[in-house]
Structure formats: structure tokens, C-alpha cells
C-alpha atoms as a PDB file:
ATOM      1  CA  MET A   1       2.678 -11.283   7.216  1.00  0.00           C
ATOM      2  CA  VAL A   2       4.572  -8.106   8.032  1.00  0.00           C
ATOM      3  CA  GLY A   3       2.327  -7.422  11.032  1.00  0.00           C
ATOM      4  CA  ALA A   4       2.873 -10.907  12.413  1.00  0.00           C
ATOM      5  CA  ALA A   5       6.648 -10.610  12.048  1.00  0.00           C
ATOM      6  CA  VAL A   6       6.721  -7.180  13.684  1.00  0.00           C
ATOM      7  CA  GLY A   7       4.426  -8.384  16.468  1.00  0.00           C
ATOM      8  CA  ALA A   8       6.586 -11.430  17.173  1.00  0.00           C
ATOM      9  CA  ALA A   9       9.751  -9.337  17.233  1.00  0.00           C
ATOM     10  CA  MET A  10       8.156  -6.827  19.602  1.00  0.00           C
ATOM     11  CA  ALA A  11       6.927  -9.634  21.868  1.00  0.00           C
ATOM     12  CA  VAL A  12      10.438 -11.045  22.174  1.00  0.00           C
ATOM     13  CA  MET A  13      11.830  -7.574  22.825  1.00  0.00           C
ATOM     14  CA  PHE A  14       9.225  -6.792  25.494  1.00  0.00           C
ATOM     15  CA  VAL A  15       9.866 -10.084  27.285  1.00  0.00           C
ATOM     16  CA  GLN A  16      13.583  -9.296  27.427  1.00  0.00           C
ATOM     17  CA  ILE A  17      13.016  -5.719  28.593  1.00  0.00           C
ATOM     18  CA  LEU A  18      10.302  -6.448  31.160  1.00  0.00           C
ATOM     19  CA  ALA A  19      11.721  -9.728  32.522  1.00  0.00           C
ATOM     20  CA  PRO A  20      13.605  -8.049  35.427  1.00  0.00           C
ATOM     21  CA  LEU A  21      10.387  -6.402  36.640  1.00  0.00           C
ATOM     22  CA  PHE A  22       8.663  -9.695  37.371  1.00  0.00           C
ATOM     23  CA  THR A  23       9.412 -11.872  40.388  1.00  0.00           C
ATOM     24  CA  ILE A  24       9.221 -15.035  38.297  1.00  0.00           C
ATOM     25  CA  ALA A  25      11.150 -14.614  35.072  1.00  0.00           C
ATOM     26  CA  PRO A  26       9.420 -16.122  32.048  1.00  0.00           C
ATOM     27  CA  ALA A  27      11.241 -19.160  30.723  1.00  0.00           C
ATOM     28  CA  SER A  28      10.012 -18.569  27.183  1.00  0.00           C
ATOM     29  CA  LEU A  29       7.221 -17.056  25.170  1.00  0.00           C
ATOM     30  CA  THR A  30       3.910 -18.855  25.499  1.00  0.00           C
ATOM     31  CA  VAL A  31       1.090 -18.809  23.002  1.00  0.00           C
ATOM     32  CA  PRO A  32      -2.380 -18.846  24.573  1.00  0.00           C
ATOM     33  CA  ALA A  33      -3.994 -21.104  21.976  1.00  0.00           C
ATOM     34  CA  GLY A  34      -7.447 -21.034  23.571  1.00  0.00           C
ATOM     35  CA  GLU A  35      -7.626 -17.253  23.691  1.00  0.00           C
ATOM     36  CA  LEU A  36      -6.283 -16.911  20.144  1.00  0.00           C
ATOM     37  CA  GLY A  37      -8.851 -19.421  18.927  1.00  0.00           C
ATOM     38  CA  LEU A  38     -11.627 -17.516  20.670  1.00  0.00           C
ATOM     39  CA  LEU A  39     -10.406 -14.235  19.191  1.00  0.00           C
ATOM     40  CA  ALA A  40     -10.255 -15.697  15.691  1.00  0.00           C
ATOM     41  CA  THR A  41     -13.753 -17.161  16.106  1.00  0.00           C
ATOM     42  CA  LEU A  42     -15.184 -13.843  17.277  1.00  0.00           C
ATOM     43  CA  VAL A  43     -13.492 -11.894  14.480  1.00  0.00           C
ATOM     44  CA  LEU A  44     -14.655 -14.317  11.783  1.00  0.00           C
ATOM     45  CA  GLY A  45     -18.148 -14.414  13.289  1.00  0.00           C
ATOM     46  CA  GLY A  46     -18.348 -10.623  13.280  1.00  0.00           C
ATOM     47  CA  MET A  47     -17.150 -10.495   9.700  1.00  0.00           C
ATOM     48  CA  GLY A  48     -19.688 -13.112   8.665  1.00  0.00           C
ATOM     49  CA  LEU A  49     -22.513 -11.253  10.410  1.00  0.00           C
ATOM     50  CA  SER A  50     -21.573  -7.980   8.721  1.00  0.00           C
ATOM     51  CA  VAL A  51     -21.475  -9.693   5.313  1.00  0.00           C
ATOM     52  CA  VAL A  52     -24.911 -11.235   5.869  1.00  0.00           C
ATOM     53  CA  LEU A  53     -26.437  -7.937   7.016  1.00  0.00           C
ATOM     54  CA  ALA A  54     -24.882  -5.988   4.134  1.00  0.00           C
ATOM     55  CA  ALA A  55     -26.013  -8.566   1.570  1.00  0.00           C
ATOM     56  CA  ARG A  56     -29.532  -8.530   2.998  1.00  0.00           C
ATOM     57  CA  SER A  57     -29.783  -4.763   2.768  1.00  0.00           C
ATOM     58  CA  LEU A  58     -28.253  -4.671  -0.733  1.00  0.00           C
ATOM     59  CA  ARG A  59     -30.666  -7.334  -1.945  1.00  0.00           C
ATOM     60  CA  ARG A  60     -33.560  -4.914  -1.376  1.00  0.00           C
ATOM     61  CA  LEU A  61     -32.041  -2.242  -3.621  1.00  0.00           C
ATOM     62  CA  ASN A  62     -32.681  -2.025  -7.336  1.00  0.00           C
ATOM     63  CA  PRO A  63     -29.503  -0.842  -9.086  1.00  0.00           C
ATOM     64  CA  VAL A  64     -31.410   0.572 -12.089  1.00  0.00           C
ATOM     65  CA  GLU A  65     -33.482   2.843  -9.846  1.00  0.00           C
ATOM     66  CA  LEU A  66     -30.401   3.992  -7.966  1.00  0.00           C
ATOM     67  CA  LEU A  67     -28.627   4.913 -11.195  1.00  0.00           C
ATOM     68  CA  ARG A  68     -31.670   6.820 -12.494  1.00  0.00           C
ATOM     69  CA  GLU A  69     -31.792   8.949  -9.316  1.00  0.00           C
ATOM     70  CA  GLU A  70     -28.283  10.270  -9.900  1.00  0.00           C
END
């Protein structure tokens, strides 16, 4: 929540600061919904893949044998 609030505040600030540098001034902030959806899908997919791979490798381990080794 804090990161989203700080990010939104910085976005507004950067638009105000950088607006004079562009030939066409932005009318308002735009949210690229398609790109954000793709990013969220890729992040969740990567997280899911890492969970599956970690669970598969942990399934092969025997906790009793690991504790005996230490």
C-alpha cells in the first residue's frame, strides 16, 4: 500500500516536472491497463512456477534423514 501511494505521488510529480520538456503536454495521467495486466500475469506466473519447482524438489527430500545428518 505504501509503495503504491509513493509511486502514484512520484508519477504525478514527474508529470508536472517533465511536462514542459515534451512538445505535447499530457492532459492527465494514463494507466496502461494492458501492460499492467501483462506484467501482473507474468509476475504471478513466475511465482507459480517457482512454487511448483520448489515443492517438487522438496517432495523428494526426507526430513528425518536431513535432521539425522546434522
